[in-house]
Amino acid sequence: MAQGIFEAPIAFGPIYENATHKFFGEAAPGTALTAASWRVSRMSLTDSQIEWADGDSNFDNVFTNVTIVEALSFS
């Protein structure tokens, strides 16, 4: 499978939130939150702008908790 392309069903992880963003994770059903197999995005609570972890939509991040996802690089 090429990075960023996902042809199987997608499951959504928990929605994490801090004071400025909501964080969303998508992966194959049954993927552990600790696996580096999540596509992570965040939405600004002020203007609803969407950004991707690592600046791409690849399924290559962990989605363990809000502290972990806040530390990812978004653009």
N, C-alpha and C. Protein backbone atom coordinates (compact mmCIF):
# COMPACT_ATOMS: atom_id res chain seq x y z
N MET A 1 0.85 -1.18 0.00
CA MET A 1 0.00 0.00 0.00
C MET A 1 0.89 1.24 0.00
N ALA A 2 0.62 2.18 -0.85
CA ALA A 2 1.38 3.43 -0.89
C ALA A 2 1.02 4.30 0.30
N GLN A 3 1.97 5.09 0.75
CA GLN A 3 1.72 6.00 1.88
C GLN A 3 0.58 6.94 1.53
N GLY A 4 -0.35 7.15 2.48
CA GLY A 4 -1.43 8.10 2.29
C GLY A 4 -2.62 7.56 1.51
N ILE A 5 -2.51 6.36 0.96
CA ILE A 5 -3.61 5.78 0.21
C ILE A 5 -4.17 4.63 1.02
N PHE A 6 -5.46 4.65 1.22
CA PHE A 6 -6.08 3.66 2.08
C PHE A 6 -7.32 3.15 1.39
N GLU A 7 -7.34 1.88 1.04
CA GLU A 7 -8.45 1.33 0.28
C GLU A 7 -9.37 0.43 1.10
N ALA A 8 -9.06 0.21 2.36
CA ALA A 8 -9.88 -0.62 3.23
C ALA A 8 -10.81 0.27 4.06
N PRO A 9 -11.73 -0.33 4.80
CA PRO A 9 -12.58 0.48 5.68
C PRO A 9 -11.74 1.28 6.68
N ILE A 10 -12.22 2.43 7.05
CA ILE A 10 -11.51 3.30 8.00
C ILE A 10 -12.30 3.38 9.29
N ALA A 11 -11.58 3.27 10.41
CA ALA A 11 -12.17 3.45 11.73
C ALA A 11 -11.66 4.77 12.30
N PHE A 12 -12.47 5.40 13.11
CA PHE A 12 -12.09 6.65 13.74
C PHE A 12 -11.74 6.40 15.20
N GLY A 13 -10.67 7.04 15.65
CA GLY A 13 -10.28 6.95 17.05
C GLY A 13 -11.04 7.97 17.88
N PRO A 14 -10.71 8.08 19.14
CA PRO A 14 -11.35 9.08 19.99
C PRO A 14 -11.01 10.48 19.47
N ILE A 15 -11.85 11.43 19.77
CA ILE A 15 -11.56 12.83 19.43
C ILE A 15 -10.93 13.46 20.66
N TYR A 16 -9.71 13.95 20.47
CA TYR A 16 -9.01 14.64 21.55
C TYR A 16 -9.17 16.13 21.36
N GLU A 17 -9.15 16.87 22.47
CA GLU A 17 -9.33 18.32 22.38
C GLU A 17 -8.48 19.02 23.42
N ASN A 18 -7.90 20.16 23.01
CA ASN A 18 -7.24 21.04 23.97
C ASN A 18 -7.91 22.41 23.85
N ALA A 19 -7.30 23.45 24.35
CA ALA A 19 -7.92 24.78 24.35
C ALA A 19 -8.05 25.37 22.95
N THR A 20 -7.27 24.90 21.98
CA THR A 20 -7.27 25.53 20.66
C THR A 20 -7.61 24.60 19.49
N HIS A 21 -7.55 23.29 19.68
CA HIS A 21 -7.76 22.35 18.58
C HIS A 21 -8.54 21.11 18.99
N LYS A 22 -9.20 20.49 18.00
CA LYS A 22 -9.71 19.13 18.11
C LYS A 22 -8.82 18.27 17.22
N PHE A 23 -8.48 17.08 17.69
CA PHE A 23 -7.59 16.17 16.99
C PHE A 23 -8.36 14.92 16.59
N PHE A 24 -8.18 14.49 15.34
CA PHE A 24 -8.91 13.36 14.79
C PHE A 24 -7.93 12.31 14.28
N GLY A 25 -8.24 11.04 14.49
CA GLY A 25 -7.40 9.95 14.00
C GLY A 25 -8.21 8.95 13.21
N GLU A 26 -7.63 8.46 12.12
CA GLU A 26 -8.26 7.44 11.28
C GLU A 26 -7.26 6.32 11.03
N ALA A 27 -7.76 5.10 11.02
CA ALA A 27 -6.89 3.94 10.77
C ALA A 27 -7.76 2.76 10.36
N ALA A 28 -7.11 1.66 10.04
CA ALA A 28 -7.84 0.43 9.74
C ALA A 28 -8.55 -0.04 11.01
N PRO A 29 -9.74 -0.60 10.88
CA PRO A 29 -10.43 -1.11 12.06
C PRO A 29 -9.55 -2.06 12.86
N GLY A 30 -9.56 -1.92 14.17
CA GLY A 30 -8.79 -2.78 15.05
C GLY A 30 -7.36 -2.32 15.30
N THR A 31 -6.93 -1.22 14.68
CA THR A 31 -5.57 -0.72 14.88
C THR A 31 -5.41 -0.19 16.30
N ALA A 32 -4.36 -0.62 16.98
CA ALA A 32 -4.08 -0.13 18.34
C ALA A 32 -3.71 1.35 18.27
N LEU A 33 -4.13 2.11 19.27
CA LEU A 33 -3.79 3.53 19.33
C LEU A 33 -2.28 3.75 19.38
N THR A 34 -1.55 2.76 19.87
CA THR A 34 -0.09 2.87 19.99
C THR A 34 0.65 2.52 18.71
N ALA A 35 -0.05 2.00 17.72
CA ALA A 35 0.58 1.63 16.44
C ALA A 35 0.82 2.88 15.60
N ALA A 36 1.94 2.94 14.93
CA ALA A 36 2.25 4.07 14.04
C ALA A 36 1.55 3.85 12.70
N SER A 37 0.21 3.78 12.75
CA SER A 37 -0.60 3.48 11.57
C SER A 37 -1.82 4.39 11.47
N TRP A 38 -1.75 5.53 12.12
CA TRP A 38 -2.87 6.46 12.15
C TRP A 38 -2.63 7.67 11.26
N ARG A 39 -3.68 8.12 10.60
CA ARG A 39 -3.68 9.40 9.88
C ARG A 39 -4.30 10.41 10.84
N VAL A 40 -3.54 11.46 11.18
CA VAL A 40 -3.96 12.39 12.22
C VAL A 40 -4.14 13.79 11.63
N SER A 41 -5.24 14.41 11.99
CA SER A 41 -5.49 15.79 11.59
C SER A 41 -5.95 16.57 12.82
N ARG A 42 -5.89 17.89 12.68
CA ARG A 42 -6.43 18.73 13.75
C ARG A 42 -7.23 19.85 13.12
N MET A 43 -8.22 20.32 13.87
CA MET A 43 -9.07 21.42 13.44
C MET A 43 -8.98 22.54 14.47
N SER A 44 -8.72 23.73 13.98
CA SER A 44 -8.68 24.90 14.86
C SER A 44 -10.09 25.20 15.37
N LEU A 45 -10.21 25.46 16.66
CA LEU A 45 -11.51 25.79 17.24
C LEU A 45 -11.94 27.21 16.92
N THR A 46 -11.00 28.06 16.47
CA THR A 46 -11.36 29.44 16.17
C THR A 46 -11.80 29.65 14.74
N ASP A 47 -11.16 28.98 13.77
CA ASP A 47 -11.52 29.21 12.36
C ASP A 47 -11.80 27.93 11.58
N SER A 48 -11.82 26.79 12.24
CA SER A 48 -12.11 25.47 11.63
C SER A 48 -11.09 25.04 10.58
N GLN A 49 -9.91 25.65 10.56
CA GLN A 49 -8.86 25.25 9.61
C GLN A 49 -8.37 23.86 9.95
N ILE A 50 -8.19 23.02 8.92
CA ILE A 50 -7.71 21.65 9.09
C ILE A 50 -6.23 21.59 8.72
N GLU A 51 -5.44 20.91 9.55
CA GLU A 51 -4.04 20.67 9.27
C GLU A 51 -3.76 19.19 9.51
N TRP A 52 -2.73 18.66 8.81
CA TRP A 52 -2.36 17.26 8.92
C TRP A 52 -1.07 17.10 9.70
N ALA A 53 -0.99 16.04 10.49
CA ALA A 53 0.26 15.71 11.18
C ALA A 53 1.34 15.43 10.14
N ASP A 54 2.52 15.93 10.37
CA ASP A 54 3.66 15.79 9.47
C ASP A 54 3.43 16.50 8.13
N GLY A 55 2.36 17.28 8.03
CA GLY A 55 2.07 17.99 6.78
C GLY A 55 1.55 17.09 5.67
N ASP A 56 1.13 15.85 6.02
CA ASP A 56 0.62 14.93 5.00
C ASP A 56 -0.50 14.08 5.58
N SER A 57 -1.14 13.31 4.73
CA SER A 57 -2.26 12.47 5.18
C SER A 57 -1.86 10.99 5.23
N ASN A 58 -0.60 10.72 5.50
CA ASN A 58 -0.11 9.35 5.60
C ASN A 58 -0.57 8.68 6.89
N PHE A 59 -0.73 7.38 6.84
CA PHE A 59 -1.11 6.58 8.00
C PHE A 59 0.16 6.13 8.72
N ASP A 60 0.84 7.06 9.42
CA ASP A 60 2.14 6.75 10.01
C ASP A 60 2.38 7.40 11.37
N ASN A 61 1.31 7.69 12.10
CA ASN A 61 1.45 8.31 13.42
C ASN A 61 0.76 7.46 14.48
N VAL A 62 1.15 7.65 15.72
CA VAL A 62 0.42 7.05 16.84
C VAL A 62 -0.68 8.02 17.25
N PHE A 63 -1.69 7.52 17.93
CA PHE A 63 -2.84 8.34 18.32
C PHE A 63 -3.24 8.01 19.76
N THR A 64 -2.23 7.91 20.63
CA THR A 64 -2.42 7.41 21.98
C THR A 64 -3.24 8.31 22.88
N ASN A 65 -2.91 9.60 22.92
CA ASN A 65 -3.62 10.54 23.80
C ASN A 65 -3.36 11.96 23.33
N VAL A 66 -4.02 12.93 23.97
CA VAL A 66 -3.90 14.32 23.53
C VAL A 66 -2.47 14.84 23.67
N THR A 67 -1.75 14.43 24.68
CA THR A 67 -0.36 14.88 24.86
C THR A 67 0.51 14.44 23.70
N ILE A 68 0.34 13.22 23.26
CA ILE A 68 1.11 12.69 22.12
C ILE A 68 0.76 13.43 20.84
N VAL A 69 -0.51 13.61 20.54
CA VAL A 69 -0.88 14.25 19.28
C VAL A 69 -0.57 15.75 19.27
N GLU A 70 -0.63 16.41 20.41
CA GLU A 70 -0.25 17.82 20.47
C GLU A 70 1.22 18.02 20.08
N ALA A 71 2.05 17.04 20.35
CA ALA A 71 3.50 17.15 20.08
C ALA A 71 3.84 16.89 18.61
N LEU A 72 2.91 16.39 17.82
CA LEU A 72 3.18 16.16 16.40
C LEU A 72 3.32 17.51 15.68
N SER A 73 4.02 17.50 14.57
CA SER A 73 4.19 18.68 13.75
C SER A 73 3.02 18.76 12.76
N PHE A 74 2.30 19.85 12.73
CA PHE A 74 1.13 20.01 11.85
C PHE A 74 1.35 21.13 10.86
N SER A 75 0.84 20.93 9.66
CA SER A 75 0.81 21.99 8.65
C SER A 75 -0.20 21.63 7.58
